[in-house]
N, C-alpha and C. Protein backbone atom coordinates (compact mmCIF):
# COMPACT_ATOMS: atom_id res chain seq x y z
N MET A 1 -1.04 4.94 -10.21
CA MET A 1 -1.56 4.63 -11.61
C MET A 1 -2.89 4.29 -11.96
N GLU A 2 -3.38 4.15 -10.63
CA GLU A 2 -4.87 3.44 -10.75
C GLU A 2 -6.26 4.58 -10.93
N THR A 3 -5.52 5.35 -10.12
CA THR A 3 -6.44 6.81 -10.76
C THR A 3 -5.65 7.19 -11.65
N LEU A 4 -4.78 7.30 -12.29
CA LEU A 4 -4.10 8.10 -13.42
C LEU A 4 -5.14 7.08 -14.25
N SER A 5 -4.99 5.96 -14.60
CA SER A 5 -6.17 5.20 -15.26
C SER A 5 -7.33 5.37 -15.31
N PHE A 6 -7.81 5.79 -14.02
CA PHE A 6 -9.26 6.16 -13.68
C PHE A 6 -10.02 7.05 -14.58
N ILE A 7 -9.02 8.06 -14.99
CA ILE A 7 -8.78 9.84 -14.79
C ILE A 7 -9.03 9.21 -16.86
N LEU A 8 -7.72 8.95 -17.08
CA LEU A 8 -7.82 8.85 -18.38
C LEU A 8 -9.30 7.69 -18.83
N GLY A 9 -9.38 6.73 -18.70
CA GLY A 9 -10.52 5.76 -19.22
C GLY A 9 -11.49 6.49 -19.24
N SER A 10 -12.45 7.57 -17.85
CA SER A 10 -13.42 8.42 -18.08
C SER A 10 -12.81 9.24 -19.15
N GLY A 11 -12.13 10.14 -19.33
CA GLY A 11 -12.28 10.74 -20.19
C GLY A 11 -12.48 10.21 -21.45
N GLY A 12 -11.77 9.40 -21.65
CA GLY A 12 -11.77 8.32 -23.09
C GLY A 12 -13.72 7.95 -23.29
N VAL A 13 -14.20 7.29 -22.27
CA VAL A 13 -15.34 7.45 -22.25
C VAL A 13 -16.52 8.13 -22.64
N VAL A 14 -16.25 9.32 -21.98
CA VAL A 14 -16.96 10.70 -22.17
C VAL A 14 -16.89 11.27 -24.11
N LEU A 15 -15.73 11.13 -24.26
CA LEU A 15 -15.28 11.38 -25.37
C LEU A 15 -16.07 10.81 -26.74
N LEU A 16 -16.31 9.28 -26.47
CA LEU A 16 -16.05 8.36 -27.07
C LEU A 16 -17.94 8.11 -27.16
N LEU A 17 -18.23 8.99 -26.27
CA LEU A 17 -20.03 8.50 -26.49
C LEU A 17 -20.40 10.12 -27.18
N VAL A 18 -19.51 11.18 -27.14
CA VAL A 18 -19.70 12.74 -27.87
C VAL A 18 -19.60 11.99 -29.50
N ALA A 19 -18.51 11.40 -29.56
CA ALA A 19 -18.50 10.94 -31.34
C ALA A 19 -19.45 10.20 -31.88
N LEU A 20 -19.32 8.83 -30.45
CA LEU A 20 -20.85 8.30 -31.43
C LEU A 20 -22.58 9.13 -31.17
N VAL A 21 -22.68 9.31 -30.14
CA VAL A 21 -24.10 10.34 -30.05
C VAL A 21 -23.82 11.61 -30.24
N GLY A 22 -22.57 12.48 -30.65
CA GLY A 22 -23.11 13.39 -31.26
C GLY A 22 -23.41 14.52 -30.57
N GLY A 23 -23.37 13.95 -29.26
CA GLY A 23 -23.66 15.04 -28.23
C GLY A 23 -25.15 15.60 -28.40
N GLY A 24 -26.07 16.32 -27.52
CA GLY A 24 -27.02 16.37 -27.28
C GLY A 24 -27.45 15.63 -26.02
N PHE A 25 -26.68 15.12 -25.78
CA PHE A 25 -26.94 14.00 -24.24
C PHE A 25 -27.02 14.93 -23.05
N THR A 26 -27.46 14.55 -21.98
CA THR A 26 -27.23 15.79 -20.28
C THR A 26 -26.14 14.64 -20.11
N PHE A 27 -25.55 15.09 -19.21
CA PHE A 27 -24.43 14.44 -18.46
C PHE A 27 -23.75 15.51 -17.25
N SER A 28 -23.89 14.68 -16.21
CA SER A 28 -24.00 16.19 -14.78
C SER A 28 -24.81 17.73 -14.84
N GLY A 29 -26.22 17.02 -15.03
CA GLY A 29 -26.86 17.60 -14.96
C GLY A 29 -26.79 19.04 -16.47
N SER A 30 -25.94 19.12 -17.07
CA SER A 30 -25.37 19.86 -18.36
C SER A 30 -26.23 19.29 -19.51
N VAL A 31 -26.13 19.64 -20.60
CA VAL A 31 -26.89 19.37 -21.99
C VAL A 31 -25.31 19.47 -22.72
N PHE A 32 -24.94 18.33 -23.19
CA PHE A 32 -23.84 18.61 -24.24
C PHE A 32 -24.49 19.29 -25.58
N PRO A 33 -23.61 20.23 -26.27
CA PRO A 33 -24.39 20.79 -27.35
C PRO A 33 -23.40 19.77 -28.84
N ARG A 34 -24.92 20.12 -29.63
CA ARG A 34 -24.68 19.04 -30.53
C ARG A 34 -23.35 19.57 -31.54
N ILE A 35 -22.82 18.60 -32.32
CA ILE A 35 -21.48 18.66 -32.78
C ILE A 35 -21.69 17.71 -33.92
N GLY A 36 -20.55 18.47 -34.90
CA GLY A 36 -21.01 18.19 -36.14
C GLY A 36 -20.18 16.85 -36.41
N LYS A 37 -19.88 16.37 -37.75
CA LYS A 37 -19.19 14.95 -37.70
C LYS A 37 -18.02 15.01 -38.07
N VAL A 38 -17.48 16.38 -38.80
CA VAL A 38 -16.12 16.73 -38.58
C VAL A 38 -15.37 16.66 -37.65
N ALA A 39 -16.27 17.17 -36.10
CA ALA A 39 -15.40 16.88 -34.83
C ALA A 39 -15.66 15.89 -33.91
N ARG A 40 -16.25 14.95 -34.55
CA ARG A 40 -17.01 13.94 -33.44
C ARG A 40 -15.36 12.75 -34.10
N VAL A 41 -15.12 12.81 -35.24
CA VAL A 41 -13.92 12.00 -35.76
C VAL A 41 -12.60 11.89 -34.72
N PRO A 42 -12.19 13.52 -34.39
CA PRO A 42 -11.36 13.39 -33.86
C PRO A 42 -11.55 13.27 -32.20
N CYS A 43 -12.69 13.35 -31.61
CA CYS A 43 -13.54 12.97 -30.49
C CYS A 43 -13.21 11.26 -30.26
N PHE A 44 -13.65 10.74 -31.72
CA PHE A 44 -13.75 9.11 -30.83
C PHE A 44 -12.07 8.77 -31.50
N VAL A 45 -11.01 9.43 -31.63
CA VAL A 45 -9.90 8.72 -32.04
C VAL A 45 -9.10 9.07 -30.84
N MET A 46 -9.41 10.29 -30.46
CA MET A 46 -8.68 10.86 -28.97
C MET A 46 -9.53 9.93 -27.69
N GLY A 47 -11.03 9.17 -27.43
CA GLY A 47 -11.42 8.98 -26.50
C GLY A 47 -11.13 7.32 -26.62
N SER A 48 -10.76 6.72 -27.69
CA SER A 48 -10.40 5.58 -27.86
C SER A 48 -8.91 5.21 -27.89
N ALA A 49 -7.67 6.42 -27.73
CA ALA A 49 -6.71 6.20 -27.52
C ALA A 49 -6.35 6.57 -25.72
N MET A 50 -7.39 6.97 -25.50
CA MET A 50 -7.62 7.59 -23.73
C MET A 50 -7.79 5.93 -23.16
N LEU A 51 -8.65 5.43 -24.25
CA LEU A 51 -9.43 4.30 -23.31
C LEU A 51 -8.50 2.87 -23.15
N LEU A 52 -7.76 2.71 -24.85
CA LEU A 52 -6.74 2.30 -24.61
C LEU A 52 -5.13 2.37 -23.64
N VAL A 53 -5.06 3.73 -23.35
CA VAL A 53 -3.82 3.95 -22.33
C VAL A 53 -4.17 3.37 -21.03
N ALA A 54 -5.62 4.01 -20.43
CA ALA A 54 -6.34 3.67 -19.47
C ALA A 54 -5.97 2.20 -19.62
N ILE A 55 -6.43 1.43 -20.49
CA ILE A 55 -6.54 -0.39 -19.85
C ILE A 55 -4.65 -0.72 -20.20
N GLY A 56 -4.14 -0.09 -20.89
CA GLY A 56 -2.54 -0.51 -20.79
C GLY A 56 -2.52 -0.03 -19.93
N LEU A 57 -2.59 0.66 -18.88
CA LEU A 57 -1.82 1.22 -17.91
C LEU A 57 -2.06 0.25 -16.74
N VAL A 58 -3.42 -0.06 -16.70
CA VAL A 58 -3.93 -1.09 -16.01
C VAL A 58 -3.03 -2.65 -15.86
N VAL A 59 -3.01 -2.99 -17.36
CA VAL A 59 -2.82 -4.00 -17.52
C VAL A 59 -1.33 -4.23 -17.27
N ALA A 60 -0.31 -3.36 -17.83
CA ALA A 60 1.44 -3.24 -17.09
C ALA A 60 1.32 -3.60 -15.52
N VAL A 61 0.53 -2.36 -15.08
CA VAL A 61 1.32 -2.27 -13.46
C VAL A 61 0.27 -3.82 -12.49
N GLU A 62 -0.55 -4.24 -12.75
CA GLU A 62 -0.63 -5.48 -12.28
C GLU A 62 0.49 -6.69 -12.53
N PRO A 63 0.98 -6.98 -14.06
CA PRO A 63 2.26 -7.90 -13.32
C PRO A 63 2.96 -7.08 -12.40
N LEU A 64 3.35 -5.78 -12.34
CA LEU A 64 4.56 -5.52 -11.79
C LEU A 64 3.91 -5.08 -10.19
N ALA A 65 3.17 -5.48 -10.00
CA ALA A 65 2.59 -5.49 -8.76
C ALA A 65 2.58 -6.84 -8.29
N ALA A 66 2.66 -7.71 -9.13
CA ALA A 66 2.40 -9.25 -8.48
C ALA A 66 3.95 -10.00 -8.52
N ALA A 67 4.95 -9.29 -9.73
CA ALA A 67 6.16 -9.67 -9.72
C ALA A 67 7.05 -8.86 -7.94
N SER A 68 6.31 -7.71 -7.99
CA SER A 68 7.42 -7.43 -6.52
C SER A 68 7.10 -8.06 -5.80
N ASP A 69 8.31 -7.68 -4.41
CA ASP A 69 9.10 -8.52 -3.61
C ASP A 69 8.00 -8.92 -2.94
N PRO A 70 7.69 -9.95 -1.96
CA PRO A 70 6.43 -10.48 -1.00
C PRO A 70 6.51 -9.79 0.21
N GLU A 71 6.04 -9.24 1.19
CA GLU A 71 5.61 -9.11 2.28
C GLU A 71 6.82 -9.90 3.09
N PRO A 72 7.63 -9.12 4.07
CA PRO A 72 8.81 -10.20 5.26
C PRO A 72 7.96 -10.90 5.82
N GLY A 73 8.25 -12.35 6.30
CA GLY A 73 7.46 -13.21 6.85
C GLY A 73 8.82 -14.14 7.69
N PRO A 74 8.47 -15.06 7.82
CA PRO A 74 9.16 -16.10 8.73
C PRO A 74 9.69 -17.00 7.76
N THR A 75 10.40 -16.93 7.95
CA THR A 75 11.89 -18.01 6.67
C THR A 75 11.55 -19.90 6.65
N SER A 76 11.01 -19.88 8.23
CA SER A 76 10.71 -21.23 8.43
C SER A 76 9.30 -21.19 8.88
N GLY A 77 8.84 -22.17 8.76
CA GLY A 77 7.05 -22.73 9.46
C GLY A 77 6.66 -22.16 10.62
N PRO A 78 5.27 -21.87 10.39
CA PRO A 78 4.55 -21.30 11.70
C PRO A 78 5.22 -21.92 12.54
N SER A 79 5.59 -21.82 14.07
CA SER A 79 5.64 -22.28 15.46
C SER A 79 3.87 -22.84 15.79
N GLU A 80 4.30 -24.01 16.26
CA GLU A 80 2.82 -24.92 17.70
C GLU A 80 2.07 -23.78 18.28
N GLU A 81 2.79 -23.16 18.81
CA GLU A 81 2.77 -21.64 19.40
C GLU A 81 2.61 -20.54 19.26
N GLU A 82 1.71 -19.89 19.41
CA GLU A 82 1.58 -18.26 18.69
C GLU A 82 1.76 -17.20 20.10
N LEU A 83 3.21 -16.68 19.32
CA LEU A 83 3.59 -15.61 20.48
C LEU A 83 3.19 -14.12 20.02
N VAL A 84 2.80 -13.49 20.88
CA VAL A 84 1.76 -11.90 21.15
C VAL A 84 2.73 -11.17 22.36
N GLY A 85 3.08 -10.11 21.44
CA GLY A 85 3.55 -8.99 22.51
C GLY A 85 2.69 -8.35 22.27
N VAL A 86 3.31 -7.09 23.54
CA VAL A 86 2.25 -5.62 23.50
C VAL A 86 2.83 -4.75 24.29
N LEU A 87 2.79 -3.67 22.94
CA LEU A 87 3.37 -2.50 23.66
C LEU A 87 2.95 -1.53 24.39
N ALA A 88 4.39 -1.51 25.16
CA ALA A 88 4.59 -1.11 26.41
C ALA A 88 5.03 0.86 26.03
N PHE A 89 4.91 1.23 25.32
CA PHE A 89 4.47 2.31 24.99
C PHE A 89 4.54 2.71 23.67
N ASP A 90 3.67 4.21 23.32
CA ASP A 90 3.05 4.52 22.24
C ASP A 90 4.34 4.48 21.02
N ALA A 91 3.87 3.64 19.69
CA ALA A 91 5.19 3.69 18.80
C ALA A 91 4.75 3.97 17.52
N ASP A 92 5.23 3.48 16.14
CA ASP A 92 5.13 4.04 15.11
C ASP A 92 5.63 2.61 14.96
N VAL A 93 4.92 1.89 13.21
CA VAL A 93 5.18 0.90 13.31
C VAL A 93 5.85 1.57 11.62
N LEU A 94 7.08 0.85 11.57
CA LEU A 94 8.06 1.79 10.32
C LEU A 94 8.22 0.66 9.29
N LEU A 95 8.46 0.97 8.18
CA LEU A 95 8.74 0.49 6.83
C LEU A 95 10.26 -0.43 7.14
N GLU A 96 10.92 -0.03 7.67
CA GLU A 96 12.37 -0.80 7.35
C GLU A 96 13.07 -0.36 9.17
N PRO A 97 13.45 -1.36 10.03
CA PRO A 97 14.24 -1.40 11.47
C PRO A 97 15.32 -0.50 11.43
N TYR A 98 14.57 0.69 11.53
CA TYR A 98 15.81 1.99 11.47
C TYR A 98 14.25 3.30 11.93
N VAL A 99 15.13 4.10 12.99
CA VAL A 99 14.34 5.06 13.81
C VAL A 99 13.41 5.82 12.74
N ASP A 100 14.78 5.95 11.57
CA ASP A 100 14.26 7.11 10.80
C ASP A 100 13.45 6.48 9.58
N ALA A 101 12.84 5.53 9.00
CA ALA A 101 12.19 4.51 7.98
C ALA A 101 10.89 5.45 8.15
N ASP A 102 10.41 5.23 6.90
CA ASP A 102 9.43 5.67 6.34
C ASP A 102 8.08 5.14 7.74
N TRP A 103 6.96 5.70 7.67
CA TRP A 103 5.95 5.28 8.57
C TRP A 103 4.62 4.59 8.20
N VAL A 104 4.63 3.59 8.71
CA VAL A 104 3.34 2.53 8.06
C VAL A 104 2.43 2.41 8.75
N LEU A 105 2.45 2.73 10.43
CA LEU A 105 0.83 3.18 10.89
C LEU A 105 0.95 3.57 12.18
N SER A 106 0.45 3.99 13.26
CA SER A 106 0.62 4.31 14.82
C SER A 106 -0.22 2.74 15.31
N ALA A 107 1.13 2.76 16.48
CA ALA A 107 0.65 1.65 17.60
C ALA A 107 0.06 2.10 18.75
N TRP A 108 -0.75 2.37 19.67
CA TRP A 108 -0.54 2.63 20.92
C TRP A 108 -0.04 1.26 21.86
N GLU A 109 0.30 2.14 23.30
CA GLU A 109 0.64 1.50 24.54
C GLU A 109 -0.91 0.14 24.78
N GLY A 110 -0.36 -0.93 25.02
CA GLY A 110 -1.39 -1.96 25.54
C GLY A 110 -1.96 -2.70 23.87
N GLN A 111 -1.48 -2.63 22.95
CA GLN A 111 -1.38 -2.96 21.76
C GLN A 111 -1.36 -4.29 21.94
N SER A 112 -1.97 -5.07 21.40
CA SER A 112 -0.98 -6.76 21.39
C SER A 112 -0.99 -7.04 20.05
N PHE A 113 -0.12 -7.45 19.59
CA PHE A 113 -0.09 -8.11 18.31
C PHE A 113 0.83 -9.85 17.85
N THR A 114 0.56 -10.35 17.01
CA THR A 114 0.94 -11.75 17.02
C THR A 114 2.55 -11.26 16.49
N LEU A 115 3.91 -12.11 17.21
CA LEU A 115 5.10 -12.13 16.68
C LEU A 115 5.11 -13.15 15.76
N THR A 116 5.57 -12.42 14.15
CA THR A 116 5.71 -13.25 13.36
C THR A 116 7.53 -13.91 13.36
N CYS A 117 8.23 -12.70 13.13
CA CYS A 117 9.77 -12.64 12.94
C CYS A 117 10.07 -11.72 13.52
N VAL A 118 11.65 -12.01 13.49
CA VAL A 118 12.21 -10.85 13.65
C VAL A 118 13.46 -10.64 12.72
N VAL A 119 14.05 -9.11 12.95
CA VAL A 119 15.32 -8.68 11.80
C VAL A 119 16.59 -8.10 13.12
N PHE A 120 17.55 -7.58 13.32
CA PHE A 120 18.17 -6.77 13.63
C PHE A 120 18.08 -5.71 13.05
N GLY A 121 18.35 -4.45 13.45
CA GLY A 121 18.24 -3.55 12.66
C GLY A 121 18.72 -2.05 13.85
N GLU A 122 19.04 -1.42 13.63
CA GLU A 122 19.38 -0.13 14.78
C GLU A 122 18.84 -0.64 16.42
N VAL A 123 19.51 -0.27 16.96
CA VAL A 123 19.51 -0.24 18.57
C VAL A 123 18.30 1.42 18.66
N VAL A 124 17.70 0.74 19.85
CA VAL A 124 16.94 1.44 20.12
C VAL A 124 16.83 1.83 21.34
N VAL A 125 16.34 2.34 22.12
CA VAL A 125 16.38 2.27 23.92
C VAL A 125 14.84 2.54 24.32
N SER A 126 14.31 2.17 25.45
CA SER A 126 13.03 2.14 25.61
C SER A 126 12.70 3.82 26.51
N PRO A 127 11.49 4.42 26.23
CA PRO A 127 11.28 5.28 26.57
C PRO A 127 11.44 5.57 28.17
N GLY A 128 11.09 4.36 28.61
CA GLY A 128 11.53 4.44 29.99
C GLY A 128 13.23 4.19 30.58
N GLY A 129 13.35 4.00 29.93
CA GLY A 129 15.54 3.84 30.01
C GLY A 129 15.35 2.65 30.50
N GLY A 130 17.20 2.17 30.61
CA GLY A 130 17.43 1.19 30.95
C GLY A 130 17.57 0.32 30.16
N TYR A 131 16.32 -0.46 29.00
CA TYR A 131 16.43 -1.33 28.02
C TYR A 131 17.16 -1.11 26.74
N GLU A 132 17.50 -1.85 26.41
CA GLU A 132 18.06 -0.89 24.44
C GLU A 132 18.41 -2.68 23.89
N SER A 133 18.28 -2.43 22.71
CA SER A 133 18.19 -3.46 22.17
C SER A 133 18.09 -3.28 20.52
N ASP A 134 19.25 -4.23 19.37
CA ASP A 134 18.97 -3.88 18.14
C ASP A 134 17.76 -5.22 17.38
N LEU A 135 16.81 -5.33 18.35
CA LEU A 135 16.37 -6.41 18.30
C LEU A 135 14.67 -5.92 17.55
N TRP A 136 14.22 -6.07 15.77
CA TRP A 136 13.02 -5.62 15.74
C TRP A 136 11.96 -6.71 15.28
N HIS A 137 11.40 -6.47 15.55
CA HIS A 137 9.74 -7.45 14.95
C HIS A 137 8.97 -7.02 13.88
N TYR A 138 8.47 -7.87 13.25
CA TYR A 138 7.87 -7.66 12.11
C TYR A 138 6.62 -7.74 12.73
N VAL A 139 5.72 -6.84 12.48
CA VAL A 139 3.87 -6.50 12.62
C VAL A 139 3.23 -5.85 11.69
N GLU A 140 2.34 -6.61 11.08
CA GLU A 140 1.01 -5.56 10.32
C GLU A 140 2.06 -4.47 9.24
N GLY A 141 2.78 -5.01 8.53
CA GLY A 141 3.32 -4.38 7.12
C GLY A 141 4.56 -3.46 7.53
N GLY A 142 5.09 -3.80 8.77
CA GLY A 142 6.28 -3.32 9.33
C GLY A 142 7.52 -3.61 10.55
N TYR A 143 7.75 -2.62 11.46
CA TYR A 143 8.48 -3.24 12.35
C TYR A 143 8.37 -2.19 13.05
N VAL A 144 8.77 -2.63 14.74
CA VAL A 144 8.66 -2.45 15.51
C VAL A 144 9.78 -2.60 16.66
N PRO A 145 10.07 -1.61 17.50
CA PRO A 145 11.64 -2.19 17.97
C PRO A 145 11.19 -3.29 19.37
N ASP A 146 12.03 -3.97 19.59
CA ASP A 146 11.78 -4.51 20.66
C ASP A 146 11.85 -3.91 22.06
N ALA A 147 12.68 -2.99 22.11
CA ALA A 147 12.62 -1.85 23.31
C ALA A 147 11.27 -1.64 23.49
N TYR A 148 10.23 -1.83 22.76
CA TYR A 148 9.04 -0.76 22.71
C TYR A 148 8.21 -2.15 23.30
N VAL A 149 8.49 -3.15 23.27
CA VAL A 149 7.55 -4.70 23.48
C VAL A 149 7.64 -5.22 24.40
N LEU A 150 6.79 -5.75 25.32
CA LEU A 150 6.61 -6.08 26.62
C LEU A 150 6.51 -8.27 26.14
N THR A 151 7.64 -8.58 26.39
CA THR A 151 7.51 -10.33 25.64
C THR A 151 8.90 -10.73 26.45
N ASP A 152 8.83 -11.73 26.48
CA ASP A 152 10.34 -12.76 26.56
C ASP A 152 10.23 -13.23 25.89
N VAL A 153 10.55 -12.85 24.51
CA VAL A 153 10.68 -13.80 22.91
C VAL A 153 12.47 -13.44 22.82
N SER A 154 13.25 -13.93 22.29
CA SER A 154 13.98 -13.38 22.23
C SER A 154 14.56 -13.99 20.54
N ALA A 155 15.77 -13.40 20.30
CA ALA A 155 15.86 -13.93 19.10
C ALA A 155 15.63 -15.22 18.80
N GLN A 156 16.06 -15.84 19.57
CA GLN A 156 16.00 -17.30 19.27
C GLN A 156 14.84 -18.20 19.24
N ASP A 157 13.84 -17.25 20.05
CA ASP A 157 12.39 -17.73 20.17
C ASP A 157 11.90 -18.02 18.67
N LEU A 158 11.99 -16.44 17.68
CA LEU A 158 11.31 -16.62 16.39
C LEU A 158 12.34 -16.61 15.17
N PRO A 159 11.68 -16.55 13.81
CA PRO A 159 12.58 -17.09 12.54
C PRO A 159 12.90 -15.39 11.89
N LEU A 160 13.85 -15.31 12.02
CA LEU A 160 14.16 -14.03 10.95
C LEU A 160 13.53 -13.92 9.40
N CYS A 161 13.54 -12.76 10.01
CA CYS A 161 12.59 -12.30 8.68
C CYS A 161 13.25 -12.30 6.97
């Protein structure tokens, strides 16, 4: 929406300048031709409308963004001791705690992160085999499966997201 607002607002400003000045000024290395008063009125009306719509989009989207669901986080207060996990394998941080969820970012083997909360989701088997878990850790805007994380943390050690 911000891009659309920017494009509409920019176009509106250009049309307002053409309407107010009447052309004959330079813009990006070219010269706008002079236009008559008849054409300046529609330029003013359209430029004003485009600018108002752009402002309206920005104003309307801000409350929606503020009212959207907050990022998941612990349901209880922070613990006295910060728990850190280290990835045992390269992994994708996903938007939801299941393998086919939308991608958020990639994380690499050896990367560490703070463990804030956990959820139960799809069962995942570690790439090394032998360990499977339905526990997922919330990190950096998404979830990573516990089967990929080196830590002694169990579901009882962290609050649910």
